[in-house]
Amino acid sequence: MIVGIGVDLLNKKRFSQCICSSKVKSFTKRVYSEEELKEANKYEVDFKDRNYYLGTRFAGKEAVFKTLSISSNFRIELKDIRIINDSNGIPIVELNGKIAEIAKEKGITRILISLSYDTDNIIAFATAIAD
């Protein structure tokens, strides 16, 4: 049963400007898990691809947060939402920490996610499922 949906749209140019700012290290440490950053670094040869990877993950985390229907005032760590690829390259969501507790309280057993981008925008769509 679907118990929540979330979508996030991100402008790639704006995101790239943010990710290239002097505060990038503190931003990436707050938002991304070590595994996500390790995967992003595989794209470091082409900085543009690295930003696309990080951008899709950021939009994905925002979409996942929205599936839970909780107040934006609620303090969670975005890096507790991990979006990694399975062995087939399909993105999967793993929840940790407080956000995992909230999902469990709501009966959410998994979250499906779709990530995409084009020339100007990045989009993520997430669906929370309860069995």
Protein backbone atom coordinates (compact mmCIF):
# COMPACT_ATOMS: atom_id res chain seq x y z
CA MET A 1 0.00 0.00 0.00
CA ILE A 2 1.29 3.47 -0.89
CA VAL A 3 1.49 5.67 2.21
CA GLY A 4 3.39 8.64 0.85
CA ILE A 5 4.77 10.23 -2.28
CA GLY A 6 7.36 12.93 -2.76
CA VAL A 7 8.89 14.79 -5.67
CA ASP A 8 11.72 17.28 -5.92
CA LEU A 9 12.84 19.41 -8.85
CA LEU A 10 16.27 21.01 -8.82
CA ASN A 11 17.88 23.43 -11.28
CA LYS A 12 21.24 21.93 -12.27
CA LYS A 13 22.96 25.27 -12.79
CA ARG A 14 21.97 26.56 -9.34
CA PHE A 15 22.96 23.30 -7.70
CA SER A 16 26.35 23.31 -9.47
CA GLN A 17 27.00 26.85 -8.24
CA CYS A 18 26.19 25.76 -4.67
CA ILE A 19 28.32 22.63 -4.85
CA CYS A 20 31.27 24.65 -6.19
CA SER A 21 31.13 27.27 -3.42
CA SER A 22 33.67 27.53 -0.62
CA LYS A 23 31.23 25.83 1.77
CA VAL A 24 31.05 22.66 -0.33
CA LYS A 25 32.88 20.44 2.18
CA SER A 26 30.53 21.23 5.06
CA PHE A 27 27.52 20.82 2.75
CA THR A 28 28.64 17.45 1.41
CA LYS A 29 29.48 16.13 4.90
CA ARG A 30 26.02 17.13 6.18
CA VAL A 31 24.08 15.76 3.21
CA TYR A 32 25.88 12.71 1.82
CA SER A 33 26.96 9.40 3.35
CA GLU A 34 30.54 8.19 2.93
CA GLU A 35 29.37 5.60 0.41
CA GLU A 36 27.56 8.24 -1.69
CA LEU A 37 30.65 10.48 -1.72
CA LYS A 38 32.87 7.54 -2.64
CA GLU A 39 30.58 6.76 -5.58
CA ALA A 40 30.50 10.44 -6.62
CA ASN A 41 34.29 10.54 -6.65
CA LYS A 42 34.30 7.94 -9.42
CA TYR A 43 32.95 10.76 -11.61
CA GLU A 44 35.58 13.28 -10.53
CA VAL A 45 37.37 13.09 -13.90
CA ASP A 46 34.33 14.80 -15.39
CA PHE A 47 33.28 17.34 -12.74
CA LYS A 48 29.99 17.90 -14.56
CA ASP A 49 29.02 14.22 -14.15
CA ARG A 50 29.96 14.34 -10.44
CA ASN A 51 27.61 17.28 -9.95
CA TYR A 52 24.83 15.41 -11.77
CA TYR A 53 25.37 12.42 -9.48
CA LEU A 54 25.32 14.57 -6.33
CA GLY A 55 22.37 16.60 -7.62
CA THR A 56 20.21 13.56 -8.31
CA ARG A 57 21.00 12.21 -4.84
CA PHE A 58 20.15 15.55 -3.21
CA ALA A 59 16.82 15.77 -5.04
CA GLY A 60 16.20 12.14 -4.12
CA LYS A 61 16.78 12.81 -0.43
CA GLU A 62 14.35 15.73 -0.57
CA ALA A 63 11.72 13.56 -2.30
CA VAL A 64 12.18 10.80 0.29
CA PHE A 65 11.80 13.32 3.13
CA LYS A 66 8.52 14.47 1.57
CA THR A 67 7.14 10.90 1.47
CA LEU A 68 7.18 10.87 5.27
CA SER A 69 4.88 13.91 5.57
CA ILE A 70 6.77 15.42 8.49
CA SER A 71 7.35 19.06 9.30
CA SER A 72 10.42 20.71 7.79
CA ASN A 73 11.12 21.95 11.33
CA PHE A 74 11.79 18.35 12.37
CA ARG A 75 15.54 17.91 12.75
CA ILE A 76 16.86 15.07 10.62
CA GLU A 77 20.19 14.39 9.00
CA LEU A 78 19.88 14.16 5.21
CA LYS A 79 22.85 11.82 5.16
CA ASP A 80 20.64 9.34 7.07
CA ILE A 81 18.83 8.95 3.75
CA ARG A 82 21.26 6.96 1.59
CA ILE A 83 20.61 6.55 -2.11
CA ILE A 84 22.96 4.02 -3.62
CA ASN A 85 22.85 1.85 -6.72
CA ASP A 86 22.23 -1.87 -6.52
CA SER A 87 24.31 -4.32 -8.58
CA ASN A 88 22.19 -3.50 -11.66
CA GLY A 89 22.71 0.26 -11.31
CA ILE A 90 19.18 0.88 -10.00
CA PRO A 91 18.99 3.46 -7.19
CA ILE A 92 17.74 2.14 -3.85
CA VAL A 93 16.94 3.97 -0.63
CA GLU A 94 18.33 3.04 2.78
CA LEU A 95 17.19 4.87 5.91
CA ASN A 96 19.20 5.25 9.12
CA GLY A 97 18.92 7.12 12.39
CA LYS A 98 15.86 9.18 13.33
CA ILE A 99 14.38 9.07 9.84
CA ALA A 100 14.42 5.25 9.93
CA GLU A 101 12.54 5.39 13.25
CA ILE A 102 9.90 7.71 11.77
CA ALA A 103 9.45 5.44 8.75
CA LYS A 104 9.07 2.41 11.02
CA GLU A 105 6.46 4.23 13.18
CA LYS A 106 4.49 4.95 9.99
CA GLY A 107 4.69 1.31 8.88
CA ILE A 108 6.91 2.10 5.90
CA THR A 109 8.83 -0.97 4.80
CA ARG A 110 10.50 0.39 1.67
CA ILE A 111 10.81 3.46 -0.48
CA LEU A 112 10.93 3.31 -4.25
CA ILE A 113 12.79 6.07 -6.06
CA SER A 114 13.29 7.34 -9.59
CA LEU A 115 16.03 9.86 -10.44
CA SER A 116 16.47 11.71 -13.72
CA TYR A 117 17.98 14.83 -15.28
CA ASP A 118 18.05 16.73 -18.53
CA THR A 119 19.92 19.77 -19.75
CA ASP A 120 18.57 22.15 -17.11
CA ASN A 121 16.85 20.18 -14.35
CA ILE A 122 17.14 17.25 -11.99
CA ILE A 123 14.02 15.46 -10.77
CA ALA A 124 13.39 12.78 -8.18
CA PHE A 125 10.19 10.94 -7.41
CA ALA A 126 9.80 8.72 -4.31
CA THR A 127 7.02 6.45 -3.13
CA ALA A 128 6.76 5.10 0.43
CA ILE A 129 5.32 1.60 0.70
CA ALA A 130 3.80 -0.16 3.73
CA ASP A 131 3.13 -3.89 3.59
